[in-house]
PDB file of all heavy atoms in Angstrom:
ATOM      1  N   ALA A   1       0.855  -1.195   0.000  1.00  0.00           N
ATOM      2  CA  ALA A   1       0.000   0.000   0.000  1.00  0.00           C
ATOM      3  C   ALA A   1       0.883   1.234   0.000  1.00  0.00           C
ATOM      4  O   ALA A   1       2.034   1.185   0.444  1.00  0.00           O
ATOM      5  CB  ALA A   1      -0.913   0.017   1.228  1.00  0.00           C
ATOM      6  N   GLY A   2       0.343   2.329  -0.503  1.00  0.00           N
ATOM      7  CA  GLY A   2       1.090   3.581  -0.523  1.00  0.00           C
ATOM      8  C   GLY A   2       0.164   4.770  -0.352  1.00  0.00           C
ATOM      9  O   GLY A   2      -1.036   4.684  -0.631  1.00  0.00           O
ATOM     10  N   VAL A   3       0.740   5.873   0.117  1.00  0.00           N
ATOM     11  CA  VAL A   3      -0.016   7.105   0.281  1.00  0.00           C
ATOM     12  C   VAL A   3       0.840   8.265  -0.215  1.00  0.00           C
ATOM     13  O   VAL A   3       2.040   8.338   0.084  1.00  0.00           O
ATOM     14  CB  VAL A   3      -0.447   7.308   1.757  1.00  0.00           C
ATOM     15  CG1 VAL A   3       0.752   7.354   2.697  1.00  0.00           C
ATOM     16  CG2 VAL A   3      -1.302   8.561   1.904  1.00  0.00           C
ATOM     17  N   HIS A   4       0.217   9.152  -0.992  1.00  0.00           N
ATOM     18  CA  HIS A   4       0.902  10.360  -1.438  1.00  0.00           C
ATOM     19  C   HIS A   4       0.794  11.396  -0.326  1.00  0.00           C
ATOM     20  O   HIS A   4      -0.296  11.660   0.185  1.00  0.00           O
ATOM     21  CB  HIS A   4       0.263  10.882  -2.721  1.00  0.00           C
ATOM     22  CG  HIS A   4       1.010  12.023  -3.332  1.00  0.00           C
ATOM     23  ND1 HIS A   4       0.865  13.326  -2.896  1.00  0.00           N
ATOM     24  CD2 HIS A   4       1.926  12.049  -4.339  1.00  0.00           C
ATOM     25  CE1 HIS A   4       1.645  14.101  -3.615  1.00  0.00           C
ATOM     26  NE2 HIS A   4       2.300  13.364  -4.493  1.00  0.00           N
ATOM     27  N   TRP A   5       1.926  11.978   0.007  1.00  0.00           N
ATOM     28  CA  TRP A   5       1.977  12.801   1.207  1.00  0.00           C
ATOM     29  C   TRP A   5       1.071  14.027   1.121  1.00  0.00           C
ATOM     30  O   TRP A   5       0.337  14.315   2.053  1.00  0.00           O
ATOM     31  CB  TRP A   5       3.414  13.226   1.483  1.00  0.00           C
ATOM     32  CG  TRP A   5       3.617  13.658   2.899  1.00  0.00           C
ATOM     33  CD1 TRP A   5       3.824  14.930   3.353  1.00  0.00           C
ATOM     34  CD2 TRP A   5       3.580  12.811   4.054  1.00  0.00           C
ATOM     35  NE1 TRP A   5       3.926  14.926   4.724  1.00  0.00           N
ATOM     36  CE2 TRP A   5       3.783  13.647   5.170  1.00  0.00           C
ATOM     37  CE3 TRP A   5       3.392  11.448   4.237  1.00  0.00           C
ATOM     38  CZ2 TRP A   5       3.819  13.139   6.473  1.00  0.00           C
ATOM     39  CZ3 TRP A   5       3.427  10.952   5.533  1.00  0.00           C
ATOM     40  CH2 TRP A   5       3.629  11.792   6.624  1.00  0.00           C
ATOM     41  N   ARG A   6       1.119  14.770  -0.004  1.00  0.00           N
ATOM     42  CA  ARG A   6       0.327  16.004  -0.098  1.00  0.00           C
ATOM     43  C   ARG A   6      -1.110  15.713  -0.519  1.00  0.00           C
ATOM     44  O   ARG A   6      -2.055  16.243   0.052  1.00  0.00           O
ATOM     45  CB  ARG A   6       0.963  16.960  -1.098  1.00  0.00           C
ATOM     46  CG  ARG A   6       0.172  18.257  -1.318  1.00  0.00           C
ATOM     47  CD  ARG A   6       0.903  19.209  -2.269  1.00  0.00           C
ATOM     48  NE  ARG A   6       1.120  18.631  -3.578  1.00  0.00           N
ATOM     49  CZ  ARG A   6       0.223  18.637  -4.552  1.00  0.00           C
ATOM     50  NH1 ARG A   6      -0.978  19.167  -4.356  1.00  0.00           N
ATOM     51  NH2 ARG A   6       0.501  18.120  -5.730  1.00  0.00           N
ATOM     52  N   LEU A   7      -1.290  14.826  -1.480  1.00  0.00           N
ATOM     53  CA  LEU A   7      -2.622  14.570  -2.021  1.00  0.00           C
ATOM     54  C   LEU A   7      -3.451  13.660  -1.111  1.00  0.00           C
ATOM     55  O   LEU A   7      -4.675  13.602  -1.240  1.00  0.00           O
ATOM     56  CB  LEU A   7      -2.518  13.931  -3.400  1.00  0.00           C
ATOM     57  CG  LEU A   7      -1.794  14.736  -4.477  1.00  0.00           C
ATOM     58  CD1 LEU A   7      -1.634  13.910  -5.737  1.00  0.00           C
ATOM     59  CD2 LEU A   7      -2.535  16.035  -4.766  1.00  0.00           C
ATOM     60  N   ASN A   8      -2.751  12.922  -0.234  1.00  0.00           N
ATOM     61  CA  ASN A   8      -3.406  11.906   0.596  1.00  0.00           C
ATOM     62  C   ASN A   8      -4.136  10.871  -0.266  1.00  0.00           C
ATOM     63  O   ASN A   8      -5.133  10.284   0.158  1.00  0.00           O
ATOM     64  CB  ASN A   8      -4.368  12.531   1.599  1.00  0.00           C
ATOM     65  CG  ASN A   8      -4.658  11.612   2.781  1.00  0.00           C
ATOM     66  OD1 ASN A   8      -3.865  10.725   3.093  1.00  0.00           O
ATOM     67  ND2 ASN A   8      -5.800  11.801   3.415  1.00  0.00           N
ATOM     68  N   LYS A   9      -3.631  10.651  -1.458  1.00  0.00           N
ATOM     69  CA  LYS A   9      -4.182   9.621  -2.345  1.00  0.00           C
ATOM     70  C   LYS A   9      -3.560   8.294  -1.953  1.00  0.00           C
ATOM     71  O   LYS A   9      -2.371   8.231  -1.647  1.00  0.00           O
ATOM     72  CB  LYS A   9      -3.855   9.963  -3.796  1.00  0.00           C
ATOM     73  CG  LYS A   9      -4.441   9.021  -4.816  1.00  0.00           C
ATOM     74  CD  LYS A   9      -4.147   9.515  -6.217  1.00  0.00           C
ATOM     75  CE  LYS A   9      -4.657   8.549  -7.278  1.00  0.00           C
ATOM     76  NZ  LYS A   9      -6.120   8.443  -7.257  1.00  0.00           N
ATOM     77  N   LYS A  10      -4.374   7.239  -1.986  1.00  0.00           N
ATOM     78  CA  LYS A  10      -3.912   5.937  -1.514  1.00  0.00           C
ATOM     79  C   LYS A  10      -4.080   4.886  -2.596  1.00  0.00           C
ATOM     80  O   LYS A  10      -4.972   4.984  -3.442  1.00  0.00           O
ATOM     81  CB  LYS A  10      -4.691   5.550  -0.262  1.00  0.00           C
ATOM     82  CG  LYS A  10      -4.508   6.567   0.854  1.00  0.00           C
ATOM     83  CD  LYS A  10      -5.581   6.470   1.902  1.00  0.00           C
ATOM     84  CE  LYS A  10      -5.444   7.629   2.889  1.00  0.00           C
ATOM     85  NZ  LYS A  10      -6.498   7.591   3.924  1.00  0.00           N
ATOM     86  N   TYR A  11      -3.235   3.876  -2.520  1.00  0.00           N
ATOM     87  CA  TYR A  11      -3.262   2.800  -3.510  1.00  0.00           C
ATOM     88  C   TYR A  11      -2.894   1.505  -2.808  1.00  0.00           C
ATOM     89  O   TYR A  11      -2.021   1.491  -1.942  1.00  0.00           O
ATOM     90  CB  TYR A  11      -2.269   3.110  -4.630  1.00  0.00           C
ATOM     91  CG  TYR A  11      -2.310   2.137  -5.778  1.00  0.00           C
ATOM     92  CD1 TYR A  11      -3.356   2.154  -6.687  1.00  0.00           C
ATOM     93  CD2 TYR A  11      -1.291   1.204  -5.960  1.00  0.00           C
ATOM     94  CE1 TYR A  11      -3.393   1.269  -7.743  1.00  0.00           C
ATOM     95  CE2 TYR A  11      -1.321   0.323  -7.006  1.00  0.00           C
ATOM     96  CZ  TYR A  11      -2.370   0.356  -7.905  1.00  0.00           C
ATOM     97  OH  TYR A  11      -2.412  -0.512  -8.949  1.00  0.00           O
ATOM     98  N   TYR A  12      -3.606   0.433  -3.191  1.00  0.00           N
ATOM     99  CA  TYR A  12      -3.425  -0.852  -2.526  1.00  0.00           C
ATOM    100  C   TYR A  12      -3.167  -1.963  -3.538  1.00  0.00           C
ATOM    101  O   TYR A  12      -3.703  -1.944  -4.654  1.00  0.00           O
ATOM    102  CB  TYR A  12      -4.676  -1.218  -1.720  1.00  0.00           C
ATOM    103  CG  TYR A  12      -5.015  -0.254  -0.618  1.00  0.00           C
ATOM    104  CD1 TYR A  12      -5.862   0.824  -0.851  1.00  0.00           C
ATOM    105  CD2 TYR A  12      -4.466  -0.410   0.655  1.00  0.00           C
ATOM    106  CE1 TYR A  12      -6.160   1.721   0.165  1.00  0.00           C
ATOM    107  CE2 TYR A  12      -4.773   0.478   1.675  1.00  0.00           C
ATOM    108  CZ  TYR A  12      -5.624   1.540   1.418  1.00  0.00           C
ATOM    109  OH  TYR A  12      -5.916   2.419   2.426  1.00  0.00           O
ATOM    110  N   ALA A  13      -2.396  -2.934  -3.112  1.00  0.00           N
ATOM    111  CA  ALA A  13      -2.279  -4.161  -3.883  1.00  0.00           C
ATOM    112  C   ALA A  13      -3.611  -4.906  -3.807  1.00  0.00           C
ATOM    113  O   ALA A  13      -4.319  -4.847  -2.801  1.00  0.00           O
ATOM    114  CB  ALA A  13      -1.157  -5.025  -3.329  1.00  0.00           C
ATOM    115  N   ASP A  14      -3.925  -5.629  -4.858  1.00  0.00           N
ATOM    116  CA  ASP A  14      -5.196  -6.358  -4.896  1.00  0.00           C
ATOM    117  C   ASP A  14      -5.316  -7.346  -3.736  1.00  0.00           C
ATOM    118  O   ASP A  14      -6.405  -7.589  -3.219  1.00  0.00           O
ATOM    119  CB  ASP A  14      -5.327  -7.110  -6.219  1.00  0.00           C
ATOM    120  CG  ASP A  14      -5.602  -6.175  -7.386  1.00  0.00           C
ATOM    121  OD1 ASP A  14      -6.021  -5.022  -7.141  1.00  0.00           O
ATOM    122  OD2 ASP A  14      -5.401  -6.594  -8.541  1.00  0.00           O
ATOM    123  N   SER A  15      -4.184  -7.895  -3.326  1.00  0.00           N
ATOM    124  CA  SER A  15      -4.201  -8.940  -2.297  1.00  0.00           C
ATOM    125  C   SER A  15      -4.630  -8.413  -0.925  1.00  0.00           C
ATOM    126  O   SER A  15      -5.020  -9.202  -0.057  1.00  0.00           O
ATOM    127  CB  SER A  15      -2.826  -9.597  -2.189  1.00  0.00           C
ATOM    128  OG  SER A  15      -1.843  -8.628  -1.871  1.00  0.00           O
ATOM    129  N   VAL A  16      -4.561  -7.099  -0.716  1.00  0.00           N
ATOM    130  CA  VAL A  16      -4.903  -6.543   0.594  1.00  0.00           C
ATOM    131  C   VAL A  16      -6.063  -5.562   0.529  1.00  0.00           C
ATOM    132  O   VAL A  16      -6.533  -5.091   1.571  1.00  0.00           O
ATOM    133  CB  VAL A  16      -3.687  -5.860   1.254  1.00  0.00           C
ATOM    134  CG1 VAL A  16      -2.503  -6.813   1.324  1.00  0.00           C
ATOM    135  CG2 VAL A  16      -3.302  -4.570   0.530  1.00  0.00           C
ATOM    136  N   LYS A  17      -6.526  -5.262  -0.661  1.00  0.00           N
ATOM    137  CA  LYS A  17      -7.604  -4.284  -0.823  1.00  0.00           C
ATOM    138  C   LYS A  17      -8.833  -4.733  -0.052  1.00  0.00           C
ATOM    139  O   LYS A  17      -9.251  -5.887  -0.138  1.00  0.00           O
ATOM    140  CB  LYS A  17      -7.917  -4.121  -2.313  1.00  0.00           C
ATOM    141  CG  LYS A  17      -8.607  -2.832  -2.676  1.00  0.00           C
ATOM    142  CD  LYS A  17      -8.726  -2.707  -4.195  1.00  0.00           C
ATOM    143  CE  LYS A  17      -7.369  -2.568  -4.849  1.00  0.00           C
ATOM    144  NZ  LYS A  17      -7.474  -2.396  -6.317  1.00  0.00           N
ATOM    145  N   GLY A  18      -9.394  -3.811   0.721  1.00  0.00           N
ATOM    146  CA  GLY A  18     -10.560  -4.134   1.529  1.00  0.00           C
ATOM    147  C   GLY A  18     -10.229  -4.670   2.909  1.00  0.00           C
ATOM    148  O   GLY A  18     -11.103  -4.734   3.780  1.00  0.00           O
ATOM    149  N   ARG A  19      -8.980  -5.048   3.128  1.00  0.00           N
ATOM    150  CA  ARG A  19      -8.567  -5.555   4.449  1.00  0.00           C
ATOM    151  C   ARG A  19      -7.567  -4.624   5.132  1.00  0.00           C
ATOM    152  O   ARG A  19      -7.593  -4.489   6.350  1.00  0.00           O
ATOM    153  CB  ARG A  19      -7.934  -6.940   4.315  1.00  0.00           C
ATOM    154  CG  ARG A  19      -8.844  -8.002   3.765  1.00  0.00           C
ATOM    155  CD  ARG A  19      -8.212  -9.388   3.893  1.00  0.00           C
ATOM    156  NE  ARG A  19      -6.961  -9.502   3.159  1.00  0.00           N
ATOM    157  CZ  ARG A  19      -5.792  -9.813   3.713  1.00  0.00           C
ATOM    158  NH1 ARG A  19      -5.705 -10.035   5.012  1.00  0.00           N
ATOM    159  NH2 ARG A  19      -4.701  -9.907   2.967  1.00  0.00           N
ATOM    160  N   PHE A  20      -6.704  -4.002   4.352  1.00  0.00           N
ATOM    161  CA  PHE A  20      -5.667  -3.120   4.890  1.00  0.00           C
ATOM    162  C   PHE A  20      -6.035  -1.662   4.599  1.00  0.00           C
ATOM    163  O   PHE A  20      -6.619  -1.357   3.556  1.00  0.00           O
ATOM    164  CB  PHE A  20      -4.308  -3.413   4.257  1.00  0.00           C
ATOM    165  CG  PHE A  20      -3.677  -4.717   4.675  1.00  0.00           C
ATOM    166  CD1 PHE A  20      -4.386  -5.689   5.362  1.00  0.00           C
ATOM    167  CD2 PHE A  20      -2.340  -4.960   4.382  1.00  0.00           C
ATOM    168  CE1 PHE A  20      -3.797  -6.888   5.739  1.00  0.00           C
ATOM    169  CE2 PHE A  20      -1.731  -6.149   4.753  1.00  0.00           C
ATOM    170  CZ  PHE A  20      -2.462  -7.113   5.418  1.00  0.00           C
ATOM    171  N   THR A  21      -5.661  -0.788   5.517  1.00  0.00           N
ATOM    172  CA  THR A  21      -5.890   0.645   5.351  1.00  0.00           C
ATOM    173  C   THR A  21      -4.611   1.391   5.683  1.00  0.00           C
ATOM    174  O   THR A  21      -4.024   1.168   6.744  1.00  0.00           O
ATOM    175  CB  THR A  21      -7.013   1.137   6.275  1.00  0.00           C
ATOM    176  OG1 THR A  21      -8.200   0.369   6.041  1.00  0.00           O
ATOM    177  CG2 THR A  21      -7.314   2.613   6.005  1.00  0.00           C
ATOM    178  N   ILE A  22      -4.213   2.263   4.771  1.00  0.00           N
ATOM    179  CA  ILE A  22      -3.032   3.084   5.011  1.00  0.00           C
ATOM    180  C   ILE A  22      -3.485   4.498   5.322  1.00  0.00           C
ATOM    181  O   ILE A  22      -4.496   4.976   4.799  1.00  0.00           O
ATOM    182  CB  ILE A  22      -2.075   3.058   3.792  1.00  0.00           C
ATOM    183  CG1 ILE A  22      -0.739   3.717   4.137  1.00  0.00           C
ATOM    184  CG2 ILE A  22      -2.714   3.734   2.581  1.00  0.00           C
ATOM    185  CD1 ILE A  22       0.332   3.528   3.052  1.00  0.00           C
ATOM    186  N   GLY A  23      -2.747   5.158   6.190  1.00  0.00           N
ATOM    187  CA  GLY A  23      -3.047   6.543   6.518  1.00  0.00           C
ATOM    188  C   GLY A  23      -1.777   7.256   6.948  1.00  0.00           C
ATOM    189  O   GLY A  23      -0.742   6.630   7.175  1.00  0.00           O
ATOM    190  N   ARG A  24      -1.890   8.576   7.033  1.00  0.00           N
ATOM    191  CA  ARG A  24      -0.728   9.342   7.479  1.00  0.00           C
ATOM    192  C   ARG A  24      -1.189  10.432   8.426  1.00  0.00           C
ATOM    193  O   ARG A  24      -2.307  10.925   8.342  1.00  0.00           O
ATOM    194  CB  ARG A  24       0.000   9.943   6.290  1.00  0.00           C
ATOM    195  CG  ARG A  24      -0.872  10.887   5.449  1.00  0.00           C
ATOM    196  CD  ARG A  24      -0.103  12.050   5.009  1.00  0.00           C
ATOM    197  NE  ARG A  24      -0.761  12.976   4.146  1.00  0.00           N
ATOM    198  CZ  ARG A  24      -1.760  13.789   4.466  1.00  0.00           C
ATOM    199  NH1 ARG A  24      -2.318  13.705   5.659  1.00  0.00           N
ATOM    200  NH2 ARG A  24      -2.229  14.675   3.618  1.00  0.00           N
ATOM    201  N   VAL A  25      -0.304  10.777   9.345  1.00  0.00           N
ATOM    202  CA  VAL A  25      -0.525  11.903  10.238  1.00  0.00           C
ATOM    203  C   VAL A  25       0.586  12.886   9.917  1.00  0.00           C
ATOM    204  O   VAL A  25       1.727  12.741  10.391  1.00  0.00           O
ATOM    205  CB  VAL A  25      -0.498  11.482  11.718  1.00  0.00           C
ATOM    206  CG1 VAL A  25      -0.757  12.685  12.613  1.00  0.00           C
ATOM    207  CG2 VAL A  25      -1.515  10.382  11.976  1.00  0.00           C
ATOM    208  N   ALA A  26       0.269  13.867   9.088  1.00  0.00           N
ATOM    209  CA  ALA A  26       1.293  14.762   8.565  1.00  0.00           C
ATOM    210  C   ALA A  26       2.014  15.505   9.681  1.00  0.00           C
ATOM    211  O   ALA A  26       3.237  15.671   9.635  1.00  0.00           O
ATOM    212  CB  ALA A  26       0.668  15.738   7.571  1.00  0.00           C
ATOM    213  N   ALA A  27       1.282  15.922  10.685  1.00  0.00           N
ATOM    214  CA  ALA A  27       1.892  16.708  11.760  1.00  0.00           C
ATOM    215  C   ALA A  27       2.925  15.896  12.542  1.00  0.00           C
ATOM    216  O   ALA A  27       3.814  16.469  13.174  1.00  0.00           O
ATOM    217  CB  ALA A  27       0.816  17.223  12.699  1.00  0.00           C
ATOM    218  N   GLU A  28       2.780  14.578  12.497  1.00  0.00           N
ATOM    219  CA  GLU A  28       3.700  13.719  13.232  1.00  0.00           C
ATOM    220  C   GLU A  28       4.660  12.993  12.306  1.00  0.00           C
ATOM    221  O   GLU A  28       5.428  12.145  12.758  1.00  0.00           O
ATOM    222  CB  GLU A  28       2.905  12.708  14.066  1.00  0.00           C
ATOM    223  CG  GLU A  28       2.009  13.355  15.123  1.00  0.00           C
ATOM    224  CD  GLU A  28       1.176  12.334  15.866  1.00  0.00           C
ATOM    225  OE1 GLU A  28       1.338  11.121  15.618  1.00  0.00           O
ATOM    226  OE2 GLU A  28       0.354  12.749  16.706  1.00  0.00           O
ATOM    227  N   ASN A  29       4.583  13.271  11.006  1.00  0.00           N
ATOM    228  CA  ASN A  29       5.453  12.586  10.034  1.00  0.00           C
ATOM    229  C   ASN A  29       5.356  11.074  10.162  1.00  0.00           C
ATOM    230  O   ASN A  29       6.366  10.371  10.077  1.00  0.00           O
ATOM    231  CB  ASN A  29       6.914  13.010  10.230  1.00  0.00           C
ATOM    232  CG  ASN A  29       7.290  14.187   9.370  1.00  0.00           C
ATOM    233  OD1 ASN A  29       6.501  14.637   8.531  1.00  0.00           O
ATOM    234  ND2 ASN A  29       8.474  14.694   9.563  1.00  0.00           N
ATOM    235  N   THR A  30       4.142  10.593  10.353  1.00  0.00           N
ATOM    236  CA  THR A  30       3.934   9.170  10.598  1.00  0.00           C
ATOM    237  C   THR A  30       2.973   8.586   9.575  1.00  0.00           C
ATOM    238  O   THR A  30       1.992   9.224   9.192  1.00  0.00           O
ATOM    239  CB  THR A  30       3.360   8.951  12.008  1.00  0.00           C
ATOM    240  OG1 THR A  30       4.304   9.433  12.966  1.00  0.00           O
ATOM    241  CG2 THR A  30       3.099   7.480  12.281  1.00  0.00           C
ATOM    242  N   VAL A  31       3.276   7.389   9.136  1.00  0.00           N
ATOM    243  CA  VAL A  31       2.389   6.631   8.259  1.00  0.00           C
ATOM    244  C   VAL A  31       2.041   5.337   8.977  1.00  0.00           C
ATOM    245  O   VAL A  31       2.908   4.710   9.588  1.00  0.00           O
ATOM    246  CB  VAL A  31       3.061   6.329   6.910  1.00  0.00           C
ATOM    247  CG1 VAL A  31       2.186   5.426   6.047  1.00  0.00           C
ATOM    248  CG2 VAL A  31       3.363   7.624   6.172  1.00  0.00           C
ATOM    249  N   TRP A  32       0.775   4.963   8.931  1.00  0.00           N
ATOM    250  CA  TRP A  32       0.379   3.731   9.596  1.00  0.00           C
ATOM    251  C   TRP A  32      -0.289   2.787   8.595  1.00  0.00           C
ATOM    252  O   TRP A  32      -0.724   3.205   7.528  1.00  0.00           O
ATOM    253  CB  TRP A  32      -0.542   4.011  10.784  1.00  0.00           C
ATOM    254  CG  TRP A  32      -1.658   4.973  10.507  1.00  0.00           C
ATOM    255  CD1 TRP A  32      -1.664   6.331  10.712  1.00  0.00           C
ATOM    256  CD2 TRP A  32      -2.952   4.671   9.970  1.00  0.00           C
ATOM    257  NE1 TRP A  32      -2.861   6.870  10.333  1.00  0.00           N
ATOM    258  CE2 TRP A  32      -3.683   5.880   9.875  1.00  0.00           C
ATOM    259  CE3 TRP A  32      -3.567   3.491   9.552  1.00  0.00           C
ATOM    260  CZ2 TRP A  32      -4.986   5.932   9.395  1.00  0.00           C
ATOM    261  CZ3 TRP A  32      -4.871   3.539   9.069  1.00  0.00           C
ATOM    262  CH2 TRP A  32      -5.551   4.761   8.994  1.00  0.00           C
ATOM    263  N   LEU A  33      -0.310   1.532   8.954  1.00  0.00           N
ATOM    264  CA  LEU A  33      -0.957   0.524   8.123  1.00  0.00           C
ATOM    265  C   LEU A  33      -1.788  -0.348   9.052  1.00  0.00           C
ATOM    266  O   LEU A  33      -1.237  -1.100   9.850  1.00  0.00           O
ATOM    267  CB  LEU A  33       0.067  -0.321   7.372  1.00  0.00           C
ATOM    268  CG  LEU A  33      -0.516  -1.396   6.448  1.00  0.00           C
ATOM    269  CD1 LEU A  33      -1.173  -0.747   5.229  1.00  0.00           C
ATOM    270  CD2 LEU A  33       0.557  -2.380   6.005  1.00  0.00           C
ATOM    271  N   GLN A  34      -3.089  -0.215   8.971  1.00  0.00           N
ATOM    272  CA  GLN A  34      -3.987  -1.062   9.746  1.00  0.00           C
ATOM    273  C   GLN A  34      -4.320  -2.294   8.932  1.00  0.00           C
ATOM    274  O   GLN A  34      -4.825  -2.197   7.808  1.00  0.00           O
ATOM    275  CB  GLN A  34      -5.266  -0.319  10.118  1.00  0.00           C
ATOM    276  CG  GLN A  34      -6.222  -1.162  10.963  1.00  0.00           C
ATOM    277  CD  GLN A  34      -7.407  -0.375  11.452  1.00  0.00           C
ATOM    278  OE1 GLN A  34      -7.283   0.769  11.889  1.00  0.00           O
ATOM    279  NE2 GLN A  34      -8.592  -0.980  11.389  1.00  0.00           N
ATOM    280  N   MET A  35      -4.044  -3.441   9.517  1.00  0.00           N
ATOM    281  CA  MET A  35      -4.236  -4.708   8.816  1.00  0.00           C
ATOM    282  C   MET A  35      -5.346  -5.489   9.513  1.00  0.00           C
ATOM    283  O   MET A  35      -5.144  -6.030  10.604  1.00  0.00           O
ATOM    284  CB  MET A  35      -2.928  -5.503   8.810  1.00  0.00           C
ATOM    285  CG  MET A  35      -1.755  -4.700   8.245  1.00  0.00           C
ATOM    286  SD  MET A  35      -0.218  -5.649   8.152  1.00  0.00           S
ATOM    287  CE  MET A  35       0.131  -5.902   9.886  1.00  0.00           C
ATOM    288  N   ASP A  36      -6.515  -5.503   8.891  1.00  0.00           N
ATOM    289  CA  ASP A  36      -7.667  -6.222   9.428  1.00  0.00           C
ATOM    290  C   ASP A  36      -7.793  -7.582   8.760  1.00  0.00           C
ATOM    291  O   ASP A  36      -7.237  -7.821   7.685  1.00  0.00           O
ATOM    292  CB  ASP A  36      -8.948  -5.412   9.177  1.00  0.00           C
ATOM    293  CG  ASP A  36      -8.966  -4.089   9.903  1.00  0.00           C
ATOM    294  OD1 ASP A  36      -8.459  -4.023  11.043  1.00  0.00           O
ATOM    295  OD2 ASP A  36      -9.498  -3.110   9.344  1.00  0.00           O
ATOM    296  N   ALA A  37      -8.555  -8.442   9.392  1.00  0.00           N
ATOM    297  CA  ALA A  37      -8.848  -9.761   8.824  1.00  0.00           C
ATOM    298  C   ALA A  37      -7.569 -10.447   8.346  1.00  0.00           C
ATOM    299  O   ALA A  37      -7.499 -10.951   7.217  1.00  0.00           O
ATOM    300  CB  ALA A  37      -9.856  -9.629   7.681  1.00  0.00           C
ATOM    301  N   LEU A  38      -6.575 -10.464   9.206  1.00  0.00           N
ATOM    302  CA  LEU A  38      -5.281 -11.036   8.824  1.00  0.00           C
ATOM    303  C   LEU A  38      -5.417 -12.505   8.454  1.00  0.00           C
ATOM    304  O   LEU A  38      -6.241 -13.243   9.020  1.00  0.00           O
ATOM    305  CB  LEU A  38      -4.285 -10.866   9.965  1.00  0.00           C
ATOM    306  CG  LEU A  38      -3.686  -9.460  10.095  1.00  0.00           C
ATOM    307  CD1 LEU A  38      -3.028  -9.289  11.460  1.00  0.00           C
ATOM    308  CD2 LEU A  38      -2.687  -9.190   8.988  1.00  0.00           C
TER     309      LEU A  38
END
């Protein structure tokens, strides 16, 4: 998965789409990946 820093646009591999969520907290310079239904 990936996230564009300014646009906040996200893209996922087909194998994780619908189960994984990527996000970023710009103020903290942090990117997270929530992995559900592992």
